[in-house]
Amino acid sequence: MSAIFCVLDAVYSIGAHYDNHVVPVVKRVATDLEVYSPSVEMSGP
């Protein structure tokens, strides 16, 4: 399942503002697939 989110991230992040475009797309697809935690918190800076 995570491969789907990796591909979406890669495709939609080309020339896009990440927080405004990529994150909402990934969250929307995750919701459609009933995945409630599509990402994890960064463990470091």
PDB file of N, CA and C in Angstrom:
ATOM      1  N   MET A   1       0.828  -1.191   0.000  1.00  0.00           N
ATOM      2  CA  MET A   1       0.000   0.000   0.000  1.00  0.00           C
ATOM      3  C   MET A   1       0.870   1.252   0.000  1.00  0.00           C
ATOM      4  N   SER A   2       1.991   1.226   0.699  1.00  0.00           N
ATOM      5  CA  SER A   2       2.823   2.426   0.785  1.00  0.00           C
ATOM      6  C   SER A   2       3.421   2.805  -0.568  1.00  0.00           C
ATOM      7  N   ALA A   3       3.559   1.840  -1.467  1.00  0.00           N
ATOM      8  CA  ALA A   3       4.081   2.149  -2.802  1.00  0.00           C
ATOM      9  C   ALA A   3       3.161   3.118  -3.534  1.00  0.00           C
ATOM     10  N   ILE A   4       1.874   2.986  -3.323  1.00  0.00           N
ATOM     11  CA  ILE A   4       0.904   3.902  -3.939  1.00  0.00           C
ATOM     12  C   ILE A   4       1.183   5.331  -3.492  1.00  0.00           C
ATOM     13  N   PHE A   5       1.402   5.520  -2.203  1.00  0.00           N
ATOM     14  CA  PHE A   5       1.654   6.860  -1.677  1.00  0.00           C
ATOM     15  C   PHE A   5       2.998   7.402  -2.153  1.00  0.00           C
ATOM     16  N   CYS A   6       3.981   6.537  -2.321  1.00  0.00           N
ATOM     17  CA  CYS A   6       5.286   6.965  -2.842  1.00  0.00           C
ATOM     18  C   CYS A   6       5.159   7.464  -4.276  1.00  0.00           C
ATOM     19  N   VAL A   7       4.403   6.738  -5.086  1.00  0.00           N
ATOM     20  CA  VAL A   7       4.204   7.151  -6.481  1.00  0.00           C
ATOM     21  C   VAL A   7       3.432   8.462  -6.537  1.00  0.00           C
ATOM     22  N   LEU A   8       2.364   8.587  -5.779  1.00  0.00           N
ATOM     23  CA  LEU A   8       1.606   9.844  -5.753  1.00  0.00           C
ATOM     24  C   LEU A   8       2.496  11.002  -5.329  1.00  0.00           C
ATOM     25  N   ASP A   9       3.278  10.786  -4.298  1.00  0.00           N
ATOM     26  CA  ASP A   9       4.197  11.818  -3.814  1.00  0.00           C
ATOM     27  C   ASP A   9       5.160  12.228  -4.912  1.00  0.00           C
ATOM     28  N   ALA A  10       5.754  11.265  -5.586  1.00  0.00           N
ATOM     29  CA  ALA A  10       6.734  11.568  -6.635  1.00  0.00           C
ATOM     30  C   ALA A  10       6.112  12.316  -7.808  1.00  0.00           C
ATOM     31  N   VAL A  11       4.970  11.865  -8.249  1.00  0.00           N
ATOM     32  CA  VAL A  11       4.328  12.464  -9.427  1.00  0.00           C
ATOM     33  C   VAL A  11       3.807  13.861  -9.121  1.00  0.00           C
ATOM     34  N   TYR A  12       3.096  14.008  -8.013  1.00  0.00           N
ATOM     35  CA  TYR A  12       2.477  15.296  -7.723  1.00  0.00           C
ATOM     36  C   TYR A  12       3.447  16.333  -7.182  1.00  0.00           C
ATOM     37  N   SER A  13       4.633  15.925  -6.728  1.00  0.00           N
ATOM     38  CA  SER A  13       5.574  16.905  -6.187  1.00  0.00           C
ATOM     39  C   SER A  13       6.417  17.581  -7.260  1.00  0.00           C
ATOM     40  N   ILE A  14       6.313  17.138  -8.501  1.00  0.00           N
ATOM     41  CA  ILE A  14       7.068  17.751  -9.591  1.00  0.00           C
ATOM     42  C   ILE A  14       6.490  19.149  -9.863  1.00  0.00           C
ATOM     43  N   GLY A  15       7.240  20.162  -9.530  1.00  0.00           N
ATOM     44  CA  GLY A  15       6.826  21.536  -9.787  1.00  0.00           C
ATOM     45  C   GLY A  15       5.638  22.011  -8.969  1.00  0.00           C
ATOM     46  N   ALA A  16       5.381  21.382  -7.842  1.00  0.00           N
ATOM     47  CA  ALA A  16       4.221  21.758  -7.029  1.00  0.00           C
ATOM     48  C   ALA A  16       4.679  22.198  -5.641  1.00  0.00           C
ATOM     49  N   HIS A  17       3.878  23.021  -5.023  1.00  0.00           N
ATOM     50  CA  HIS A  17       4.123  23.395  -3.631  1.00  0.00           C
ATOM     51  C   HIS A  17       3.639  22.228  -2.779  1.00  0.00           C
ATOM     52  N   TYR A  18       4.552  21.571  -2.107  1.00  0.00           N
ATOM     53  CA  TYR A  18       4.295  20.288  -1.444  1.00  0.00           C
ATOM     54  C   TYR A  18       3.097  20.331  -0.503  1.00  0.00           C
ATOM     55  N   ASP A  19       3.082  21.269   0.428  1.00  0.00           N
ATOM     56  CA  ASP A  19       2.009  21.314   1.431  1.00  0.00           C
ATOM     57  C   ASP A  19       0.646  21.650   0.831  1.00  0.00           C
ATOM     58  N   ASN A  20       0.640  22.424  -0.240  1.00  0.00           N
ATOM     59  CA  ASN A  20      -0.634  22.844  -0.822  1.00  0.00           C
ATOM     60  C   ASN A  20      -1.202  21.866  -1.836  1.00  0.00           C
ATOM     61  N   HIS A  21      -0.364  21.037  -2.437  1.00  0.00           N
ATOM     62  CA  HIS A  21      -0.848  20.164  -3.504  1.00  0.00           C
ATOM     63  C   HIS A  21      -0.632  18.683  -3.221  1.00  0.00           C
ATOM     64  N   VAL A  22       0.553  18.308  -2.821  1.00  0.00           N
ATOM     65  CA  VAL A  22       0.883  16.888  -2.665  1.00  0.00           C
ATOM     66  C   VAL A  22       0.211  16.286  -1.438  1.00  0.00           C
ATOM     67  N   VAL A  23       0.322  16.929  -0.314  1.00  0.00           N
ATOM     68  CA  VAL A  23      -0.239  16.390   0.926  1.00  0.00           C
ATOM     69  C   VAL A  23      -1.754  16.173   0.808  1.00  0.00           C
ATOM     70  N   PRO A  24      -2.529  17.130   0.288  1.00  0.00           N
ATOM     71  CA  PRO A  24      -3.959  16.880   0.147  1.00  0.00           C
ATOM     72  C   PRO A  24      -4.296  15.706  -0.786  1.00  0.00           C
ATOM     73  N   VAL A  25      -3.530  15.542  -1.860  1.00  0.00           N
ATOM     74  CA  VAL A  25      -3.783  14.420  -2.779  1.00  0.00           C
ATOM     75  C   VAL A  25      -3.531  13.095  -2.067  1.00  0.00           C
ATOM     76  N   VAL A  26      -2.415  12.991  -1.374  1.00  0.00           N
ATOM     77  CA  VAL A  26      -2.099  11.751  -0.666  1.00  0.00           C
ATOM     78  C   VAL A  26      -3.156  11.462   0.394  1.00  0.00           C
ATOM     79  N   LYS A  27      -3.567  12.481   1.137  1.00  0.00           N
ATOM     80  CA  LYS A  27      -4.588  12.282   2.171  1.00  0.00           C
ATOM     81  C   LYS A  27      -5.927  11.869   1.560  1.00  0.00           C
ATOM     82  N   ARG A  28      -6.294  12.464   0.422  1.00  0.00           N
ATOM     83  CA  ARG A  28      -7.558  12.125  -0.236  1.00  0.00           C
ATOM     84  C   ARG A  28      -7.568  10.672  -0.707  1.00  0.00           C
ATOM     85  N   VAL A  29      -6.474  10.243  -1.320  1.00  0.00           N
ATOM     86  CA  VAL A  29      -6.373   8.854  -1.776  1.00  0.00           C
ATOM     87  C   VAL A  29      -6.359   7.907  -0.573  1.00  0.00           C
ATOM     88  N   ALA A  30      -5.638   8.265   0.474  1.00  0.00           N
ATOM     89  CA  ALA A  30      -5.598   7.428   1.675  1.00  0.00           C
ATOM     90  C   ALA A  30      -6.995   7.266   2.267  1.00  0.00           C
ATOM     91  N   THR A  31      -7.753   8.332   2.310  1.00  0.00           N
ATOM     92  CA  THR A  31      -9.114   8.268   2.824  1.00  0.00           C
ATOM     93  C   THR A  31      -9.976   7.355   1.955  1.00  0.00           C
ATOM     94  N   ASP A  32      -9.844   7.480   0.645  1.00  0.00           N
ATOM     95  CA  ASP A  32     -10.592   6.605  -0.268  1.00  0.00           C
ATOM     96  C   ASP A  32     -10.244   5.141  -0.065  1.00  0.00           C
ATOM     97  N   LEU A  33      -8.992   4.859   0.292  1.00  0.00           N
ATOM     98  CA  LEU A  33      -8.536   3.485   0.507  1.00  0.00           C
ATOM     99  C   LEU A  33      -8.684   3.047   1.965  1.00  0.00           C
ATOM    100  N   GLU A  34      -9.291   3.915   2.772  1.00  0.00           N
ATOM    101  CA  GLU A  34      -9.508   3.668   4.201  1.00  0.00           C
ATOM    102  C   GLU A  34      -8.205   3.448   4.969  1.00  0.00           C
ATOM    103  N   VAL A  35      -7.193   4.234   4.613  1.00  0.00           N
ATOM    104  CA  VAL A  35      -5.920   4.245   5.337  1.00  0.00           C
ATOM    105  C   VAL A  35      -5.917   5.536   6.143  1.00  0.00           C
ATOM    106  N   TYR A  36      -5.865   5.401   7.450  1.00  0.00           N
ATOM    107  CA  TYR A  36      -6.025   6.580   8.293  1.00  0.00           C
ATOM    108  C   TYR A  36      -4.714   7.213   8.740  1.00  0.00           C
ATOM    109  N   SER A  37      -3.592   6.566   8.467  1.00  0.00           N
ATOM    110  CA  SER A  37      -2.279   7.128   8.783  1.00  0.00           C
ATOM    111  C   SER A  37      -1.354   6.936   7.583  1.00  0.00           C
ATOM    112  N   PRO A  38      -1.505   7.769   6.537  1.00  0.00           N
ATOM    113  CA  PRO A  38      -0.700   7.586   5.334  1.00  0.00           C
ATOM    114  C   PRO A  38       0.743   8.031   5.475  1.00  0.00           C
ATOM    115  N   SER A  39       1.077   8.675   6.588  1.00  0.00           N
ATOM    116  CA  SER A  39       2.451   9.126   6.782  1.00  0.00           C
ATOM    117  C   SER A  39       2.832   8.953   8.236  1.00  0.00           C
ATOM    118  N   VAL A  40       4.093   9.100   8.515  1.00  0.00           N
ATOM    119  CA  VAL A  40       4.598   9.019   9.874  1.00  0.00           C
ATOM    120  C   VAL A  40       5.359  10.295  10.185  1.00  0.00           C
ATOM    121  N   GLU A  41       5.446  10.606  11.441  1.00  0.00           N
ATOM    122  CA  GLU A  41       6.179  11.796  11.870  1.00  0.00           C
ATOM    123  C   GLU A  41       7.656  11.590  11.598  1.00  0.00           C
ATOM    124  N   MET A  42       8.330  12.683  11.240  1.00  0.00           N
ATOM    125  CA  MET A  42       9.768  12.608  11.037  1.00  0.00           C
ATOM    126  C   MET A  42      10.448  12.348  12.376  1.00  0.00           C
ATOM    127  N   SER A  43      11.423  11.443  12.392  1.00  0.00           N
ATOM    128  CA  SER A  43      12.096  11.114  13.638  1.00  0.00           C
ATOM    129  C   SER A  43      13.277  12.042  13.923  1.00  0.00           C
ATOM    130  N   GLY A  44      13.649  12.841  12.957  1.00  0.00           N
ATOM    131  CA  GLY A  44      14.754  13.759  13.157  1.00  0.00           C
ATOM    132  C   GLY A  44      14.619  14.961  12.265  1.00  0.00           C
ATOM    133  N   PRO A  45      15.494  15.904  12.408  1.00  0.00           N
ATOM    134  CA  PRO A  45      15.400  17.129  11.599  1.00  0.00           C
ATOM    135  C   PRO A  45      15.668  16.871  10.121  1.00  0.00           C
TER     136      PRO A  45
END
